Amino acid sequence: MSIAHNAQDHDVVSKLRDAGLRPTRQRVALAELLYSKGNRHISAEGLHEEAILASVPVSLATVYNTLHQFTEAGLLREVAVEGTKTYFDTNTTEHHHFYFEDENRIVDIPDSDLSLINLPTPPEGTEISRVEVIVRVKKLGENTVLAV
């Protein structure tokens, strides 16, 4: 993979610098993979597989570290589905997700499809920093009858 040789690479380098991260070769290569396909959700293992296929020499540990650095810098949003399933979202705006249990994937819920009302009062000395809804879905079984 070419590093910092085209306009997209320059945008990635600027994005990293603007976030306060040094644009190392591995960070730039991983950022190119992350942001070249628009908004998406990806696991560390999925990004590592993409890196290997793109001939980016990087360990899984480095991918994890880089994803967490990007998250801390505000370039990604971490979405924890279960204790062992974490996805990284390139869309850092406030939004919610469907989690497809049968497919181990998440997709955004359109903003117009969900409204939150009557949030609880946070404990004294705290404030709500973010509300995140994950709606778990699975495919209907062949014998499932839908009520009409």
N, C-alpha and C. Protein backbone atom coordinates (compact mmCIF):
# COMPACT_ATOMS: atom_id res chain seq x y z
N MET A 1 0.85 -1.18 0.00
CA MET A 1 0.00 0.00 0.00
C MET A 1 0.89 1.24 0.00
N SER A 2 0.52 2.20 -0.81
CA SER A 2 1.31 3.43 -0.84
C SER A 2 0.98 4.26 0.39
N ILE A 3 1.96 4.91 0.92
CA ILE A 3 1.76 5.73 2.11
C ILE A 3 2.02 7.20 1.75
N ALA A 4 1.01 8.05 1.97
CA ALA A 4 1.11 9.50 1.78
C ALA A 4 1.59 9.90 0.40
N HIS A 5 0.99 9.30 -0.65
CA HIS A 5 1.37 9.67 -2.00
C HIS A 5 0.23 10.22 -2.83
N ASN A 6 -0.99 10.21 -2.33
CA ASN A 6 -2.09 10.76 -3.11
C ASN A 6 -2.94 11.68 -2.23
N ALA A 7 -3.98 12.25 -2.81
CA ALA A 7 -4.80 13.23 -2.09
C ALA A 7 -5.47 12.62 -0.86
N GLN A 8 -5.97 11.38 -0.99
CA GLN A 8 -6.61 10.73 0.16
C GLN A 8 -5.61 10.54 1.29
N ASP A 9 -4.38 10.14 0.94
CA ASP A 9 -3.35 9.97 1.96
C ASP A 9 -3.08 11.29 2.68
N HIS A 10 -3.06 12.38 1.91
CA HIS A 10 -2.82 13.69 2.51
C HIS A 10 -3.93 14.03 3.49
N ASP A 11 -5.20 13.72 3.12
CA ASP A 11 -6.33 13.96 4.01
C ASP A 11 -6.20 13.15 5.30
N VAL A 12 -5.76 11.90 5.19
CA VAL A 12 -5.58 11.04 6.36
C VAL A 12 -4.49 11.60 7.26
N VAL A 13 -3.39 12.03 6.67
CA VAL A 13 -2.30 12.60 7.45
C VAL A 13 -2.78 13.86 8.17
N SER A 14 -3.53 14.71 7.48
CA SER A 14 -4.08 15.92 8.11
C SER A 14 -5.04 15.56 9.23
N LYS A 15 -5.88 14.57 9.00
CA LYS A 15 -6.85 14.12 10.01
C LYS A 15 -6.12 13.66 11.27
N LEU A 16 -5.06 12.89 11.10
CA LEU A 16 -4.29 12.40 12.25
C LEU A 16 -3.63 13.57 12.98
N ARG A 17 -2.99 14.45 12.23
CA ARG A 17 -2.32 15.60 12.86
C ARG A 17 -3.32 16.49 13.59
N ASP A 18 -4.46 16.75 12.95
CA ASP A 18 -5.48 17.59 13.58
C ASP A 18 -5.99 16.98 14.88
N ALA A 19 -5.95 15.64 14.98
CA ALA A 19 -6.40 14.95 16.20
C ALA A 19 -5.28 14.83 17.23
N GLY A 20 -4.11 15.37 16.90
CA GLY A 20 -2.98 15.32 17.83
C GLY A 20 -2.19 14.03 17.78
N LEU A 21 -2.35 13.26 16.71
CA LEU A 21 -1.63 12.00 16.56
C LEU A 21 -0.53 12.14 15.51
N ARG A 22 0.62 11.58 15.81
CA ARG A 22 1.72 11.57 14.84
C ARG A 22 1.37 10.59 13.73
N PRO A 23 1.47 11.03 12.47
CA PRO A 23 1.09 10.15 11.35
C PRO A 23 2.20 9.14 11.01
N THR A 24 2.31 8.11 11.83
CA THR A 24 3.29 7.05 11.56
C THR A 24 2.82 6.24 10.35
N ARG A 25 3.70 5.49 9.78
CA ARG A 25 3.37 4.68 8.61
C ARG A 25 2.19 3.75 8.90
N GLN A 26 2.23 3.08 10.06
CA GLN A 26 1.15 2.14 10.38
C GLN A 26 -0.17 2.86 10.64
N ARG A 27 -0.13 3.98 11.35
CA ARG A 27 -1.37 4.73 11.60
C ARG A 27 -1.99 5.22 10.29
N VAL A 28 -1.16 5.73 9.39
CA VAL A 28 -1.66 6.21 8.11
C VAL A 28 -2.26 5.05 7.31
N ALA A 29 -1.58 3.93 7.27
CA ALA A 29 -2.08 2.77 6.52
C ALA A 29 -3.41 2.29 7.10
N LEU A 30 -3.51 2.20 8.41
CA LEU A 30 -4.76 1.74 9.03
C LEU A 30 -5.87 2.77 8.84
N ALA A 31 -5.54 4.05 8.93
CA ALA A 31 -6.54 5.10 8.71
C ALA A 31 -7.05 5.06 7.27
N GLU A 32 -6.17 4.80 6.32
CA GLU A 32 -6.60 4.68 4.92
C GLU A 32 -7.61 3.55 4.78
N LEU A 33 -7.32 2.42 5.41
CA LEU A 33 -8.24 1.28 5.34
C LEU A 33 -9.57 1.63 6.01
N LEU A 34 -9.51 2.28 7.15
CA LEU A 34 -10.73 2.62 7.89
C LEU A 34 -11.63 3.59 7.14
N TYR A 35 -11.06 4.65 6.59
CA TYR A 35 -11.85 5.75 6.06
C TYR A 35 -12.07 5.70 4.55
N SER A 36 -11.47 4.75 3.86
CA SER A 36 -11.60 4.70 2.40
C SER A 36 -12.95 4.18 1.94
N LYS A 37 -13.73 3.60 2.85
CA LYS A 37 -15.01 2.99 2.47
C LYS A 37 -16.21 3.72 3.07
N GLY A 38 -16.03 4.95 3.48
CA GLY A 38 -17.13 5.71 4.07
C GLY A 38 -17.39 5.27 5.50
N ASN A 39 -18.54 5.69 6.04
CA ASN A 39 -18.88 5.32 7.41
C ASN A 39 -19.13 3.82 7.50
N ARG A 40 -18.52 3.21 8.51
CA ARG A 40 -18.69 1.77 8.69
C ARG A 40 -18.33 1.37 10.11
N HIS A 41 -18.64 0.12 10.42
CA HIS A 41 -18.35 -0.47 11.73
C HIS A 41 -17.43 -1.64 11.49
N ILE A 42 -16.35 -1.71 12.27
CA ILE A 42 -15.39 -2.79 12.05
C ILE A 42 -14.77 -3.20 13.38
N SER A 43 -14.47 -4.47 13.49
CA SER A 43 -13.78 -4.98 14.68
C SER A 43 -12.27 -4.88 14.44
N ALA A 44 -11.51 -4.99 15.49
CA ALA A 44 -10.05 -4.99 15.36
C ALA A 44 -9.61 -6.16 14.49
N GLU A 45 -10.24 -7.31 14.69
CA GLU A 45 -9.87 -8.49 13.90
C GLU A 45 -10.19 -8.27 12.42
N GLY A 46 -11.32 -7.63 12.14
CA GLY A 46 -11.68 -7.35 10.75
C GLY A 46 -10.72 -6.39 10.10
N LEU A 47 -10.30 -5.35 10.82
CA LEU A 47 -9.33 -4.40 10.27
C LEU A 47 -7.97 -5.08 10.08
N HIS A 48 -7.60 -5.95 11.00
CA HIS A 48 -6.34 -6.67 10.87
C HIS A 48 -6.35 -7.53 9.61
N GLU A 49 -7.47 -8.22 9.36
CA GLU A 49 -7.58 -9.03 8.14
C GLU A 49 -7.45 -8.16 6.89
N GLU A 50 -8.10 -7.00 6.89
CA GLU A 50 -8.00 -6.09 5.76
C GLU A 50 -6.56 -5.62 5.56
N ALA A 51 -5.88 -5.35 6.67
CA ALA A 51 -4.48 -4.91 6.58
C ALA A 51 -3.60 -5.99 5.97
N ILE A 52 -3.78 -7.22 6.40
CA ILE A 52 -2.99 -8.33 5.86
C ILE A 52 -3.25 -8.47 4.37
N LEU A 53 -4.53 -8.42 3.97
CA LEU A 53 -4.88 -8.53 2.54
C LEU A 53 -4.29 -7.38 1.72
N ALA A 54 -4.13 -6.21 2.35
CA ALA A 54 -3.58 -5.04 1.66
C ALA A 54 -2.06 -4.97 1.80
N SER A 55 -1.44 -6.03 2.31
CA SER A 55 0.02 -6.10 2.50
C SER A 55 0.56 -5.02 3.43
N VAL A 56 -0.24 -4.70 4.46
CA VAL A 56 0.21 -3.78 5.50
C VAL A 56 0.75 -4.63 6.64
N PRO A 57 2.07 -4.57 6.88
CA PRO A 57 2.65 -5.41 7.94
C PRO A 57 2.36 -4.85 9.33
N VAL A 58 1.35 -5.41 9.98
CA VAL A 58 0.93 -4.90 11.28
C VAL A 58 0.40 -6.06 12.12
N SER A 59 0.69 -6.03 13.41
CA SER A 59 0.21 -7.08 14.30
C SER A 59 -1.19 -6.73 14.79
N LEU A 60 -1.90 -7.73 15.27
CA LEU A 60 -3.24 -7.50 15.83
C LEU A 60 -3.15 -6.57 17.04
N ALA A 61 -2.11 -6.71 17.84
CA ALA A 61 -1.94 -5.83 19.01
C ALA A 61 -1.79 -4.37 18.57
N THR A 62 -1.07 -4.14 17.50
CA THR A 62 -0.91 -2.78 16.99
C THR A 62 -2.24 -2.24 16.48
N VAL A 63 -3.03 -3.08 15.83
CA VAL A 63 -4.34 -2.65 15.36
C VAL A 63 -5.20 -2.25 16.56
N TYR A 64 -5.24 -3.07 17.60
CA TYR A 64 -6.01 -2.72 18.80
C TYR A 64 -5.53 -1.39 19.38
N ASN A 65 -4.22 -1.26 19.55
CA ASN A 65 -3.67 -0.02 20.13
C ASN A 65 -4.04 1.19 19.28
N THR A 66 -3.93 1.06 17.96
CA THR A 66 -4.23 2.16 17.06
C THR A 66 -5.71 2.52 17.12
N LEU A 67 -6.59 1.53 17.12
CA LEU A 67 -8.02 1.80 17.21
C LEU A 67 -8.36 2.53 18.51
N HIS A 68 -7.75 2.11 19.60
CA HIS A 68 -8.00 2.80 20.87
C HIS A 68 -7.43 4.22 20.87
N GLN A 69 -6.28 4.43 20.25
CA GLN A 69 -5.72 5.78 20.13
C GLN A 69 -6.64 6.66 19.29
N PHE A 70 -7.15 6.12 18.18
CA PHE A 70 -8.07 6.87 17.33
C PHE A 70 -9.35 7.21 18.09
N THR A 71 -9.83 6.27 18.90
CA THR A 71 -11.04 6.51 19.69
C THR A 71 -10.80 7.61 20.71
N GLU A 72 -9.69 7.55 21.43
CA GLU A 72 -9.37 8.58 22.42
C GLU A 72 -9.20 9.95 21.79
N ALA A 73 -8.74 9.97 20.53
CA ALA A 73 -8.53 11.24 19.82
C ALA A 73 -9.82 11.75 19.16
N GLY A 74 -10.91 10.97 19.27
CA GLY A 74 -12.18 11.39 18.70
C GLY A 74 -12.38 11.05 17.23
N LEU A 75 -11.51 10.21 16.68
CA LEU A 75 -11.62 9.83 15.27
C LEU A 75 -12.53 8.63 15.06
N LEU A 76 -12.79 7.89 16.11
CA LEU A 76 -13.65 6.71 16.06
C LEU A 76 -14.55 6.72 17.28
N ARG A 77 -15.60 5.94 17.19
CA ARG A 77 -16.48 5.73 18.33
C ARG A 77 -16.50 4.24 18.61
N GLU A 78 -16.26 3.87 19.84
CA GLU A 78 -16.25 2.47 20.24
C GLU A 78 -17.68 2.04 20.59
N VAL A 79 -18.10 0.91 20.03
CA VAL A 79 -19.44 0.37 20.30
C VAL A 79 -19.25 -1.02 20.88
N ALA A 80 -19.51 -1.16 22.18
CA ALA A 80 -19.38 -2.45 22.86
C ALA A 80 -20.73 -3.15 22.82
N VAL A 81 -20.77 -4.30 22.19
CA VAL A 81 -22.02 -5.04 22.05
C VAL A 81 -22.15 -6.07 23.15
N GLU A 82 -21.10 -6.77 23.41
CA GLU A 82 -21.02 -7.74 24.49
C GLU A 82 -19.65 -7.57 25.10
N GLY A 83 -19.38 -8.28 26.17
CA GLY A 83 -18.09 -8.16 26.81
C GLY A 83 -16.92 -8.39 25.88
N THR A 84 -17.08 -9.30 24.92
CA THR A 84 -15.97 -9.62 24.03
C THR A 84 -16.15 -9.08 22.62
N LYS A 85 -17.29 -8.45 22.33
CA LYS A 85 -17.52 -7.93 20.98
C LYS A 85 -17.51 -6.41 21.00
N THR A 86 -16.48 -5.85 20.40
CA THR A 86 -16.37 -4.41 20.29
C THR A 86 -16.16 -4.04 18.84
N TYR A 87 -16.90 -3.05 18.40
CA TYR A 87 -16.77 -2.53 17.04
C TYR A 87 -16.32 -1.08 17.12
N PHE A 88 -15.70 -0.63 16.07
CA PHE A 88 -15.26 0.76 15.98
C PHE A 88 -16.00 1.39 14.82
N ASP A 89 -16.61 2.53 15.11
CA ASP A 89 -17.50 3.21 14.18
C ASP A 89 -16.81 4.47 13.66
N THR A 90 -16.74 4.61 12.34
CA THR A 90 -16.12 5.81 11.78
C THR A 90 -17.06 7.01 11.85
N ASN A 91 -18.33 6.78 12.12
CA ASN A 91 -19.30 7.86 12.30
C ASN A 91 -19.31 8.22 13.78
N THR A 92 -18.73 9.35 14.12
CA THR A 92 -18.59 9.72 15.53
C THR A 92 -19.74 10.58 16.05
N THR A 93 -20.75 10.82 15.21
CA THR A 93 -21.90 11.59 15.67
C THR A 93 -22.75 10.73 16.62
N GLU A 94 -23.60 11.39 17.39
CA GLU A 94 -24.49 10.66 18.30
C GLU A 94 -25.52 9.90 17.47
N HIS A 95 -25.54 8.60 17.60
CA HIS A 95 -26.53 7.77 16.92
C HIS A 95 -26.59 6.41 17.58
N HIS A 96 -27.53 5.59 17.15
CA HIS A 96 -27.79 4.30 17.78
C HIS A 96 -27.62 3.18 16.76
N HIS A 97 -27.68 1.92 17.24
CA HIS A 97 -27.35 0.79 16.38
C HIS A 97 -28.30 -0.40 16.52
N PHE A 98 -28.46 -1.12 15.41
CA PHE A 98 -29.01 -2.46 15.42
C PHE A 98 -27.82 -3.41 15.48
N TYR A 99 -27.91 -4.45 16.31
CA TYR A 99 -26.88 -5.50 16.33
C TYR A 99 -27.54 -6.78 15.84
N PHE A 100 -27.07 -7.30 14.71
CA PHE A 100 -27.59 -8.53 14.14
C PHE A 100 -26.86 -9.70 14.79
N GLU A 101 -27.51 -10.33 15.76
CA GLU A 101 -26.89 -11.40 16.54
C GLU A 101 -26.41 -12.56 15.68
N ASP A 102 -27.21 -12.93 14.66
CA ASP A 102 -26.87 -14.07 13.82
C ASP A 102 -25.68 -13.80 12.91
N GLU A 103 -25.38 -12.53 12.67
CA GLU A 103 -24.33 -12.17 11.72
C GLU A 103 -23.15 -11.45 12.36
N ASN A 104 -23.23 -11.17 13.65
CA ASN A 104 -22.18 -10.42 14.34
C ASN A 104 -21.82 -9.14 13.61
N ARG A 105 -22.85 -8.34 13.31
CA ARG A 105 -22.60 -7.06 12.66
C ARG A 105 -23.56 -6.02 13.21
N ILE A 106 -23.16 -4.75 13.07
CA ILE A 106 -24.01 -3.66 13.51
C ILE A 106 -24.23 -2.69 12.37
N VAL A 107 -25.38 -2.03 12.41
CA VAL A 107 -25.70 -0.98 11.44
C VAL A 107 -26.35 0.17 12.20
N ASP A 108 -26.24 1.35 11.63
CA ASP A 108 -26.83 2.53 12.25
C ASP A 108 -28.35 2.47 12.19
N ILE A 109 -28.98 2.98 13.23
CA ILE A 109 -30.42 3.19 13.23
C ILE A 109 -30.63 4.62 12.75
N PRO A 110 -31.45 4.83 11.74
CA PRO A 110 -31.70 6.21 11.30
C PRO A 110 -32.24 7.05 12.46
N ASP A 111 -31.77 8.28 12.54
CA ASP A 111 -32.18 9.17 13.64
C ASP A 111 -33.68 9.32 13.75
N SER A 112 -34.37 9.33 12.63
CA SER A 112 -35.81 9.54 12.65
C SER A 112 -36.57 8.33 13.21
N ASP A 113 -35.90 7.18 13.35
CA ASP A 113 -36.58 5.97 13.81
C ASP A 113 -36.54 5.78 15.32
N LEU A 114 -35.93 6.67 16.05
CA LEU A 114 -35.79 6.48 17.49
C LEU A 114 -35.82 7.82 18.19
N SER A 115 -36.62 7.91 19.25
CA SER A 115 -36.59 9.10 20.07
C SER A 115 -36.51 8.67 21.53
N LEU A 116 -35.73 9.38 22.28
CA LEU A 116 -35.55 9.07 23.70
C LEU A 116 -36.22 10.16 24.53
N ILE A 117 -37.05 9.72 25.46
CA ILE A 117 -37.71 10.68 26.35
C ILE A 117 -37.57 10.17 27.77
N ASN A 118 -37.73 11.07 28.71
CA ASN A 118 -37.70 10.73 30.13
C ASN A 118 -36.41 10.03 30.55
N LEU A 119 -35.29 10.61 30.19
CA LEU A 119 -34.02 10.06 30.67
C LEU A 119 -33.96 10.21 32.18
N PRO A 120 -33.33 9.28 32.86
CA PRO A 120 -33.25 9.38 34.32
C PRO A 120 -32.34 10.53 34.75
N THR A 121 -32.59 11.02 35.93
CA THR A 121 -31.72 12.04 36.50
C THR A 121 -30.42 11.35 36.91
N PRO A 122 -29.29 11.85 36.45
CA PRO A 122 -28.03 11.19 36.82
C PRO A 122 -27.73 11.37 38.31
N PRO A 123 -26.93 10.47 38.86
CA PRO A 123 -26.56 10.60 40.27
C PRO A 123 -25.90 11.96 40.55
N GLU A 124 -26.03 12.40 41.78
CA GLU A 124 -25.47 13.69 42.17
C GLU A 124 -23.99 13.77 41.84
N GLY A 125 -23.60 14.91 41.29
CA GLY A 125 -22.19 15.12 40.95
C GLY A 125 -21.79 14.55 39.60
N THR A 126 -22.78 14.06 38.84
CA THR A 126 -22.49 13.51 37.51
C THR A 126 -23.41 14.13 36.47
N GLU A 127 -23.07 13.93 35.21
CA GLU A 127 -23.93 14.35 34.12
C GLU A 127 -23.93 13.27 33.06
N ILE A 128 -24.98 13.19 32.29
CA ILE A 128 -25.06 12.22 31.21
C ILE A 128 -24.14 12.70 30.09
N SER A 129 -23.18 11.86 29.73
CA SER A 129 -22.24 12.25 28.67
C SER A 129 -22.68 11.73 27.31
N ARG A 130 -23.41 10.62 27.30
CA ARG A 130 -23.86 10.05 26.04
C ARG A 130 -24.89 8.98 26.33
N VAL A 131 -25.87 8.86 25.47
CA VAL A 131 -26.85 7.79 25.56
C VAL A 131 -26.70 6.97 24.29
N GLU A 132 -26.53 5.68 24.48
CA GLU A 132 -26.33 4.80 23.34
C GLU A 132 -27.30 3.63 23.44
N VAL A 133 -28.09 3.45 22.39
CA VAL A 133 -29.06 2.36 22.35
C VAL A 133 -28.57 1.34 21.33
N ILE A 134 -28.54 0.09 21.76
CA ILE A 134 -28.22 -1.00 20.84
C ILE A 134 -29.42 -1.94 20.86
N VAL A 135 -30.06 -2.07 19.71
CA VAL A 135 -31.22 -2.94 19.57
C VAL A 135 -30.74 -4.24 18.96
N ARG A 136 -30.87 -5.31 19.71
CA ARG A 136 -30.41 -6.63 19.26
C ARG A 136 -31.51 -7.29 18.43
N VAL A 137 -31.16 -7.74 17.24
CA VAL A 137 -32.13 -8.41 16.37
C VAL A 137 -31.55 -9.72 15.88
N LYS A 138 -32.46 -10.64 15.51
CA LYS A 138 -32.03 -11.90 14.90
C LYS A 138 -33.08 -12.31 13.89
N LYS A 139 -32.68 -13.13 12.96
CA LYS A 139 -33.60 -13.56 11.92
C LYS A 139 -34.68 -14.44 12.51
N LEU A 140 -35.87 -14.32 11.94
CA LEU A 140 -36.99 -15.15 12.37
C LEU A 140 -36.74 -16.59 11.94
N GLY A 141 -37.13 -17.53 12.78
CA GLY A 141 -37.02 -18.94 12.42
C GLY A 141 -38.08 -19.30 11.40
N GLU A 142 -37.89 -20.41 10.71
CA GLU A 142 -38.83 -20.84 9.68
C GLU A 142 -40.23 -21.08 10.25
N ASN A 143 -40.33 -21.50 11.51
CA ASN A 143 -41.62 -21.81 12.11
C ASN A 143 -42.24 -20.63 12.85
N THR A 144 -41.62 -19.47 12.76
CA THR A 144 -42.13 -18.30 13.46
C THR A 144 -43.33 -17.75 12.72
N VAL A 145 -44.41 -17.50 13.45
CA VAL A 145 -45.62 -16.93 12.89
C VAL A 145 -45.68 -15.47 13.32
N LEU A 146 -45.85 -14.58 12.35
CA LEU A 146 -45.96 -13.15 12.65
C LEU A 146 -47.40 -12.81 12.95
N ALA A 147 -47.63 -12.07 14.02
CA ALA A 147 -48.98 -11.60 14.35
C ALA A 147 -49.29 -10.41 13.47
N VAL A 148 -50.49 -10.41 12.93
CA VAL A 148 -50.88 -9.30 12.04
C VAL A 148 -51.92 -8.45 12.70
